[in-house]
Amino acid sequence: MRFKKLAARVSLPPRKIVLVKSTLTPAHGVITARGVLNTASGKYHLDFLGKNLRAGDYARKQLQGLMRVHGAMDGHIPEKLPGIRGLFGNLSVKISPVKFDRLEPVKNILAVIDPAYFGKNRLQGMRFQFLGGNFKIRNGKFRTTNLALKGEPLNIYLEGLYDAHTQQLDLRGKALPKTGTGRALQTSPQAARMVRKSRKRLVETHFTLEGPVSRPQMTLLGIRSKAPRKAKPSRPRR
């Protein structure tokens, strides 16, 4: 990663390197960070915030969108294991709006859920409103319970694990159609059927996503429907 500008203030107390404040300017946006490294133990802590970043600068031009990231990392430098195995912390990522160019895992998910609408490279250049979630990091493994992709004609929710060292995914997900999606429903018979059903019942397409992040294997678990929860009647005021 290249930066157009780097400014930092560092202090050097005994056995420590303290990053009091730093500002990194990549091709787009700005990243601020502060932290400390214990040179004796190899343990470190880092807080960072990235604003107005471009997702395409970090995803090999597979997706585009305005990105915001923030997190706190605690870790150590392992003696015998890969460095990523010493990483612990929390990370939050938000990209909005989202435009996909060549992200194969997302293509595979959507093509299986609705081949009539998402087949024949229809995902090329397709826009969604939001992609993001929160991650807890333990030993270089990123676990999420709320990773979401939101847009027309459906929302997709994922939970599970990504191992940054082995580059393996182990995720479980569900897709929910959205009512009132207009143009997208006109070209997607499957989505239209799902939305018509969802007016009376909630329809969820469940699946798993496993294997290497470059080419994960998707398994469709089935479509489930259930009655929506009814709002509890309000109690009369006394």
Protein backbone atom coordinates (compact mmCIF):
# COMPACT_ATOMS: atom_id res chain seq x y z
CA MET A 1 0.00 0.00 0.00
CA ARG A 2 1.36 3.41 -0.97
CA PHE A 3 0.70 6.66 0.85
CA LYS A 4 0.87 10.16 -0.56
CA LYS A 5 1.74 11.56 2.85
CA LEU A 6 2.73 10.26 6.28
CA ALA A 7 3.00 12.36 9.44
CA ALA A 8 3.63 10.90 12.89
CA ARG A 9 4.67 11.87 16.40
CA VAL A 10 6.61 9.17 18.25
CA SER A 11 7.99 8.98 21.79
CA LEU A 12 10.59 6.47 22.99
CA PRO A 13 10.29 5.67 26.70
CA PRO A 14 12.31 2.69 27.99
CA ARG A 15 11.42 -0.57 26.20
CA LYS A 16 8.53 1.04 24.32
CA ILE A 17 7.74 2.74 21.06
CA VAL A 18 4.72 5.00 21.46
CA LEU A 19 2.88 6.25 18.41
CA VAL A 20 1.30 9.33 19.94
CA LYS A 21 -0.55 10.26 16.78
CA SER A 22 -0.14 9.56 13.09
CA THR A 23 -1.93 10.59 9.93
CA LEU A 24 -1.62 8.49 6.79
CA THR A 25 -2.91 9.75 3.46
CA PRO A 26 -3.49 6.94 0.93
CA ALA A 27 -4.68 7.50 -2.64
CA HIS A 28 -8.12 8.42 -1.28
CA GLY A 29 -9.23 9.42 2.21
CA VAL A 30 -7.25 9.59 5.43
CA ILE A 31 -6.25 7.15 8.20
CA THR A 32 -5.40 8.21 11.75
CA ALA A 33 -3.75 5.85 14.24
CA ARG A 34 -2.14 5.72 17.65
CA GLY A 35 -0.64 2.89 19.65
CA VAL A 36 2.24 1.41 21.58
CA LEU A 37 4.72 -1.43 21.08
CA ASN A 38 6.50 -3.07 24.00
CA THR A 39 9.88 -3.94 22.53
CA ALA A 40 10.70 -6.37 25.36
CA SER A 41 7.56 -8.52 25.15
CA GLY A 42 6.58 -7.90 21.53
CA LYS A 43 3.05 -6.95 22.60
CA TYR A 44 1.29 -4.03 20.94
CA HIS A 45 -1.93 -2.02 20.93
CA LEU A 46 -3.25 0.04 18.02
CA ASP A 47 -6.34 2.22 17.56
CA PHE A 48 -7.18 3.43 14.06
CA LEU A 49 -9.86 5.20 12.04
CA GLY A 50 -10.14 5.43 8.28
CA LYS A 51 -12.55 7.88 6.63
CA ASN A 52 -13.49 8.60 3.03
CA LEU A 53 -11.46 5.62 1.81
CA ARG A 54 -12.15 3.92 -1.52
CA ALA A 55 -12.86 0.18 -1.25
CA GLY A 56 -11.35 -0.42 -4.69
CA ASP A 57 -7.92 0.62 -3.41
CA TYR A 58 -7.90 -2.36 -1.02
CA ALA A 59 -9.94 -5.01 -2.88
CA ARG A 60 -7.98 -5.22 -6.14
CA LYS A 61 -10.68 -3.35 -8.04
CA GLN A 62 -13.26 -6.05 -7.30
CA LEU A 63 -15.70 -3.64 -5.69
CA GLN A 64 -16.10 0.11 -5.43
CA GLY A 65 -17.58 2.35 -2.78
CA LEU A 66 -16.89 4.90 -0.08
CA MET A 67 -15.46 3.06 2.94
CA ARG A 68 -15.13 3.79 6.63
CA VAL A 69 -13.18 1.51 8.99
CA HIS A 70 -12.30 1.72 12.65
CA GLY A 71 -10.93 -0.70 15.19
CA ALA A 72 -8.68 -1.52 18.09
CA MET A 73 -6.00 -4.20 17.85
CA ASP A 74 -4.15 -5.93 20.67
CA GLY A 75 -1.57 -8.53 19.86
CA HIS A 76 1.92 -9.89 20.04
CA ILE A 77 4.59 -11.04 17.62
CA PRO A 78 4.73 -14.87 17.82
CA GLU A 79 8.15 -16.48 17.83
CA LYS A 80 7.27 -19.58 15.80
CA LEU A 81 3.81 -18.92 14.35
CA PRO A 82 2.84 -16.53 11.52
CA GLY A 83 2.48 -12.92 12.69
CA ILE A 84 -1.26 -12.86 11.97
CA ARG A 85 -1.79 -15.54 14.66
CA GLY A 86 -0.85 -12.97 17.29
CA LEU A 87 -3.62 -10.57 16.25
CA PHE A 88 -6.59 -9.85 18.53
CA GLY A 89 -9.11 -7.01 18.55
CA ASN A 90 -12.24 -5.55 17.01
CA LEU A 91 -12.91 -4.17 13.54
CA SER A 92 -15.86 -2.38 11.95
CA VAL A 93 -16.22 -1.86 8.19
CA LYS A 94 -18.89 0.10 6.28
CA ILE A 95 -19.03 0.60 2.50
CA SER A 96 -21.81 2.68 0.99
CA PRO A 97 -22.90 2.69 -1.77
CA VAL A 98 -21.40 -0.51 -3.17
CA LYS A 99 -20.64 -1.36 -6.79
CA PHE A 100 -19.36 -4.84 -7.68
CA ASP A 101 -16.93 -5.38 -10.53
CA ARG A 102 -15.36 -8.83 -10.20
CA LEU A 103 -16.16 -10.21 -6.72
CA GLU A 104 -16.68 -13.91 -7.46
CA PRO A 105 -18.01 -15.04 -4.03
CA VAL A 106 -20.84 -12.51 -4.19
CA LYS A 107 -21.60 -13.45 -7.79
CA ASN A 108 -21.85 -17.10 -6.80
CA ILE A 109 -24.22 -16.38 -3.92
CA LEU A 110 -26.60 -14.27 -5.97
CA ALA A 111 -26.49 -16.57 -9.00
CA VAL A 112 -27.61 -19.54 -6.89
CA ILE A 113 -30.29 -17.58 -5.04
CA ASP A 114 -31.80 -16.19 -8.24
CA PRO A 115 -30.14 -17.36 -11.50
CA ALA A 116 -32.80 -15.68 -13.67
CA TYR A 117 -31.92 -12.22 -12.42
CA PHE A 118 -28.26 -12.49 -11.45
CA GLY A 119 -27.05 -14.80 -14.22
CA LYS A 120 -25.24 -13.84 -17.42
CA ASN A 121 -22.88 -11.43 -15.66
CA ARG A 122 -25.69 -9.15 -14.54
CA LEU A 123 -23.74 -8.42 -11.36
CA GLN A 124 -21.14 -6.52 -13.38
CA GLY A 125 -21.47 -2.92 -12.25
CA MET A 126 -24.49 -3.65 -10.05
CA ARG A 127 -24.97 -1.27 -7.14
CA PHE A 128 -26.08 -1.98 -3.59
CA GLN A 129 -26.81 0.48 -0.81
CA PHE A 130 -24.61 -1.00 1.92
CA LEU A 131 -21.98 -3.61 2.75
CA GLY A 132 -20.54 -3.88 6.24
CA GLY A 133 -20.35 -5.47 9.65
CA ASN A 134 -18.41 -5.88 12.86
CA PHE A 135 -15.65 -8.43 13.48
CA LYS A 136 -14.07 -9.85 16.61
CA ILE A 137 -10.51 -11.00 15.95
CA ARG A 138 -8.87 -13.86 17.84
CA ASN A 139 -5.57 -15.41 16.73
CA GLY A 140 -6.00 -13.85 13.30
CA LYS A 141 -9.49 -15.30 12.85
CA PHE A 142 -12.24 -12.79 12.09
CA ARG A 143 -15.66 -13.72 13.46
CA THR A 144 -18.85 -11.82 12.61
CA THR A 145 -22.51 -12.08 13.52
CA ASN A 146 -23.82 -9.16 11.47
CA LEU A 147 -22.12 -8.93 8.07
CA ALA A 148 -24.76 -7.55 5.68
CA LEU A 149 -25.21 -6.70 2.01
CA LYS A 150 -28.29 -4.56 1.41
CA GLY A 151 -29.82 -3.53 -1.89
CA GLU A 152 -32.28 -4.45 -4.63
CA PRO A 153 -33.95 -6.84 -4.77
CA LEU A 154 -32.87 -8.43 -1.48
CA ASN A 155 -30.76 -8.23 1.65
CA ILE A 156 -28.13 -10.84 2.55
CA TYR A 157 -26.94 -11.49 6.10
CA LEU A 158 -23.88 -13.57 7.03
CA GLU A 159 -22.34 -14.86 10.23
CA GLY A 160 -19.32 -17.04 10.81
CA LEU A 161 -15.55 -17.09 10.52
CA TYR A 162 -12.78 -15.93 8.19
CA ASP A 163 -9.25 -17.22 8.87
CA ALA A 164 -6.82 -14.57 7.60
CA HIS A 165 -3.86 -16.98 7.69
CA THR A 166 -5.39 -19.88 5.74
CA GLN A 167 -7.68 -17.57 3.69
CA GLN A 168 -10.61 -19.89 4.47
CA LEU A 169 -14.28 -18.98 4.95
CA ASP A 170 -16.83 -20.75 7.14
CA LEU A 171 -20.03 -18.71 6.90
CA ARG A 172 -23.75 -19.29 7.20
CA GLY A 173 -26.13 -16.87 5.54
CA LYS A 174 -29.68 -16.00 4.62
CA ALA A 175 -31.22 -13.86 1.90
CA LEU A 176 -34.46 -11.95 2.36
CA PRO A 177 -36.42 -10.30 -0.46
CA LYS A 178 -37.46 -6.68 -0.19
CA THR A 179 -40.89 -5.39 -1.07
CA GLY A 180 -41.27 -2.38 -3.30
CA THR A 181 -38.09 -2.97 -5.29
CA GLY A 182 -39.63 -1.77 -8.55
CA ARG A 183 -37.31 -2.16 -11.54
CA ALA A 184 -35.42 -5.17 -10.19
CA LEU A 185 -38.61 -7.20 -9.68
CA GLN A 186 -39.71 -6.60 -13.27
CA THR A 187 -36.68 -8.52 -14.53
CA SER A 188 -36.55 -11.19 -11.81
CA PRO A 189 -39.41 -13.72 -11.74
CA GLN A 190 -37.89 -15.57 -8.78
CA ALA A 191 -37.51 -12.38 -6.74
CA ALA A 192 -41.04 -11.32 -7.67
CA ARG A 193 -42.43 -14.65 -6.43
CA MET A 194 -40.45 -14.34 -3.21
CA VAL A 195 -41.71 -10.81 -2.61
CA ARG A 196 -45.33 -11.75 -3.33
CA LYS A 197 -45.05 -14.51 -0.75
CA SER A 198 -43.30 -12.25 1.71
CA ARG A 199 -46.28 -9.90 1.84
CA LYS A 200 -48.04 -12.55 3.91
CA ARG A 201 -45.09 -14.60 5.13
CA LEU A 202 -41.38 -13.97 5.59
CA VAL A 203 -39.30 -15.89 3.04
CA GLU A 204 -35.66 -16.71 3.79
CA THR A 205 -33.16 -18.47 1.53
CA HIS A 206 -30.54 -20.17 3.73
CA PHE A 207 -27.07 -21.24 2.59
CA THR A 208 -23.49 -21.92 3.70
CA LEU A 209 -20.30 -20.50 2.24
CA GLU A 210 -17.14 -22.53 2.89
CA GLY A 211 -13.63 -22.91 1.52
CA PRO A 212 -10.95 -20.58 0.11
CA VAL A 213 -11.99 -16.94 -0.05
CA SER A 214 -11.05 -16.78 -3.75
CA ARG A 215 -13.44 -19.62 -4.68
CA PRO A 216 -15.73 -20.57 -1.79
CA GLN A 217 -18.18 -23.44 -2.10
CA MET A 218 -21.81 -22.42 -1.66
CA THR A 219 -24.41 -24.92 -0.47
CA LEU A 220 -28.08 -24.00 -0.67
CA LEU A 221 -29.86 -25.24 2.47
CA GLY A 222 -33.37 -24.38 1.36
CA ILE A 223 -36.07 -21.75 1.44
CA ARG A 224 -38.06 -21.22 4.61
CA SER A 225 -41.13 -19.14 5.24
CA LYS A 226 -42.72 -18.05 8.46
CA ALA A 227 -45.43 -15.71 9.57
CA PRO A 228 -44.18 -12.24 10.53
CA ARG A 229 -44.41 -11.22 14.14
CA LYS A 230 -47.50 -9.25 14.99
CA ALA A 231 -47.04 -6.02 16.82
CA LYS A 232 -48.21 -6.18 20.42
CA PRO A 233 -51.32 -4.08 21.01
CA SER A 234 -50.61 -0.98 23.02
CA ARG A 235 -52.09 -0.85 26.47
CA PRO A 236 -54.70 1.82 27.06
CA ARG A 237 -53.52 4.70 29.15
CA ARG A 238 -55.03 5.02 32.57
